[in-house]
Amino acid sequence: MPGRPAPSRRALLKGAAVTPVAGFGLAACSAGDSPGRPTGPVELGAEREVPQGGARLYRDHNVVVSRDASGGLKAYSTICTHAQCPINKLEGTKLICPCHGSQFDATTGEVLQSPATTPLKQLPVQVKNGKIVAGPDA
């Protein structure tokens, strides 16, 4: 552009070095497929670990399992639907995302507090030999 000096070689190299890092940061917050979401069935623990009317968070697998009053189990991915952060806090049956404060109901996956607007992804869940197994093809 006329009247503007061309960027120095040093400025161009700095920009090239920062670009991949910035791109990685944006990819981490994209709404695409989430890293950390189970891609196959995972054994979570003993069935008795999930109380009736309560929930248990399995941080290592990014899954929460809840049990309703009749004893039925439900499982949800704990990857926040807002910015794809792993949810690491469960208070009763309320999941709280550490990144932006979204909250979800662990028994339904529904959003309780924004900025998230999309419910958590429900996962298939079953009990095999007294162990809870959740994830695709469970």
Protein backbone atom coordinates (compact mmCIF):
# COMPACT_ATOMS: atom_id res chain seq x y z
CA MET A 1 0.00 0.00 0.00
CA PRO A 2 1.49 3.38 -0.89
CA GLY A 3 2.65 5.49 2.03
CA ARG A 4 3.10 2.57 4.40
CA PRO A 5 6.48 0.96 5.00
CA ALA A 6 6.78 -2.73 4.25
CA PRO A 7 6.95 -4.94 7.37
CA SER A 8 10.43 -5.98 8.41
CA ARG A 9 11.64 -9.53 8.02
CA ARG A 10 11.62 -9.85 11.84
CA ALA A 11 7.93 -8.78 12.04
CA LEU A 12 6.96 -11.30 9.37
CA LEU A 13 8.80 -14.13 11.15
CA LYS A 14 7.15 -13.25 14.50
CA GLY A 15 3.73 -13.34 12.83
CA ALA A 16 4.47 -16.70 11.24
CA ALA A 17 5.55 -18.13 14.61
CA VAL A 18 2.37 -16.97 16.39
CA THR A 19 -0.11 -18.09 13.70
CA PRO A 20 0.02 -21.86 14.43
CA VAL A 21 -0.41 -21.24 18.16
CA ALA A 22 -3.40 -18.96 17.60
CA GLY A 23 -4.92 -21.50 15.24
CA PHE A 24 -4.54 -24.24 17.85
CA GLY A 25 -6.30 -22.09 20.45
CA LEU A 26 -9.22 -21.48 18.12
CA ALA A 27 -9.46 -25.15 17.26
CA ALA A 28 -9.62 -26.02 20.96
CA CYS A 29 -12.70 -23.80 21.36
CA SER A 30 -14.46 -24.88 18.19
CA ALA A 31 -17.89 -26.45 18.29
CA GLY A 32 -16.73 -29.44 16.25
CA ASP A 33 -16.18 -32.97 17.49
CA SER A 34 -14.77 -32.89 20.99
CA PRO A 35 -11.53 -34.42 22.12
CA GLY A 36 -12.12 -36.26 25.38
CA ARG A 37 -15.58 -37.52 24.47
CA PRO A 38 -15.64 -41.34 24.64
CA THR A 39 -15.25 -42.88 21.19
CA GLY A 40 -16.09 -46.37 22.37
CA PRO A 41 -17.48 -48.06 25.46
CA VAL A 42 -15.59 -47.34 28.69
CA GLU A 43 -15.89 -49.12 32.02
CA LEU A 44 -16.52 -46.48 34.66
CA GLY A 45 -16.90 -48.25 37.98
CA ALA A 46 -19.20 -50.30 40.16
CA GLU A 47 -22.92 -49.80 39.67
CA ARG A 48 -23.37 -49.12 43.39
CA GLU A 49 -21.22 -45.95 43.08
CA VAL A 50 -24.15 -44.00 41.61
CA PRO A 51 -26.77 -43.25 44.29
CA GLN A 52 -30.49 -43.38 43.55
CA GLY A 53 -31.63 -39.85 42.68
CA GLY A 54 -27.98 -38.75 42.39
CA ALA A 55 -25.06 -38.63 39.99
CA ARG A 56 -21.37 -39.48 39.80
CA LEU A 57 -18.78 -37.63 37.72
CA TYR A 58 -16.07 -39.72 36.05
CA ARG A 59 -13.54 -36.98 35.22
CA ASP A 60 -10.99 -39.34 33.65
CA HIS A 61 -13.54 -40.34 31.00
CA ASN A 62 -15.48 -37.03 30.69
CA VAL A 63 -18.73 -38.79 31.60
CA VAL A 64 -21.41 -38.24 34.24
CA VAL A 65 -23.82 -41.03 35.18
CA SER A 66 -27.06 -40.42 37.05
CA ARG A 67 -29.64 -42.78 38.54
CA ASP A 68 -33.33 -41.84 38.65
CA ALA A 69 -35.80 -42.73 41.41
CA SER A 70 -36.70 -46.01 39.70
CA GLY A 71 -33.04 -47.06 39.43
CA GLY A 72 -32.54 -46.32 35.71
CA LEU A 73 -29.14 -45.02 34.62
CA LYS A 74 -28.38 -42.19 32.19
CA ALA A 75 -24.96 -41.04 30.99
CA TYR A 76 -23.85 -37.78 29.40
CA SER A 77 -20.60 -36.47 27.97
CA THR A 78 -19.13 -33.82 30.28
CA ILE A 79 -17.57 -31.84 27.46
CA CYS A 80 -19.27 -28.43 27.68
CA THR A 81 -21.31 -27.60 24.61
CA HIS A 82 -20.31 -23.93 24.79
CA ALA A 83 -16.51 -24.01 24.40
CA GLN A 84 -15.69 -27.74 24.58
CA CYS A 85 -14.09 -27.53 28.05
CA PRO A 86 -14.12 -30.67 30.21
CA ILE A 87 -16.53 -30.16 33.10
CA ASN A 88 -14.78 -31.02 36.36
CA LYS A 89 -17.28 -30.11 39.07
CA LEU A 90 -20.46 -31.83 40.23
CA GLU A 91 -22.55 -30.36 43.07
CA GLY A 92 -25.42 -32.73 43.83
CA THR A 93 -26.81 -33.20 40.32
CA LYS A 94 -25.53 -29.88 38.91
CA LEU A 95 -22.48 -29.89 36.63
CA ILE A 96 -20.43 -26.66 36.54
CA CYS A 97 -18.05 -25.84 33.69
CA PRO A 98 -14.82 -24.16 34.88
CA CYS A 99 -14.27 -22.16 31.68
CA HIS A 100 -17.26 -19.83 31.44
CA GLY A 101 -19.65 -20.95 34.20
CA SER A 102 -22.19 -22.91 32.17
CA GLN A 103 -24.24 -25.27 34.31
CA PHE A 104 -26.03 -28.47 33.35
CA ASP A 105 -28.45 -30.89 35.01
CA ALA A 106 -26.60 -34.21 35.35
CA THR A 107 -29.89 -36.15 35.26
CA THR A 108 -31.17 -34.69 31.97
CA GLY A 109 -28.17 -33.03 30.32
CA GLU A 110 -30.22 -29.80 30.04
CA VAL A 111 -28.61 -26.36 30.35
CA LEU A 112 -29.30 -24.69 33.70
CA GLN A 113 -27.15 -21.58 33.18
CA SER A 114 -25.67 -20.02 30.03
CA PRO A 115 -23.50 -19.21 28.11
CA ALA A 116 -24.11 -22.79 26.89
CA THR A 117 -27.39 -23.17 25.00
CA THR A 118 -27.16 -26.79 23.84
CA PRO A 119 -27.72 -29.76 26.19
CA LEU A 120 -24.96 -32.27 26.90
CA LYS A 121 -24.68 -35.23 24.56
CA GLN A 122 -26.39 -38.31 25.98
CA LEU A 123 -24.38 -41.54 25.82
CA PRO A 124 -25.55 -45.14 25.82
CA VAL A 125 -25.06 -46.75 29.24
CA GLN A 126 -25.53 -50.24 30.67
CA VAL A 127 -24.37 -52.46 33.48
CA LYS A 128 -22.14 -55.43 32.67
CA ASN A 129 -21.01 -57.76 35.46
CA GLY A 130 -21.84 -55.12 38.09
CA LYS A 131 -19.81 -52.40 36.28
CA ILE A 132 -21.18 -49.30 34.55
CA VAL A 133 -20.19 -49.13 30.89
CA ALA A 134 -20.91 -45.99 28.88
CA GLY A 135 -20.11 -44.55 25.48
CA PRO A 136 -20.84 -45.47 21.89
CA ASP A 137 -21.65 -49.16 21.43
CA ALA A 138 -22.08 -49.64 25.20
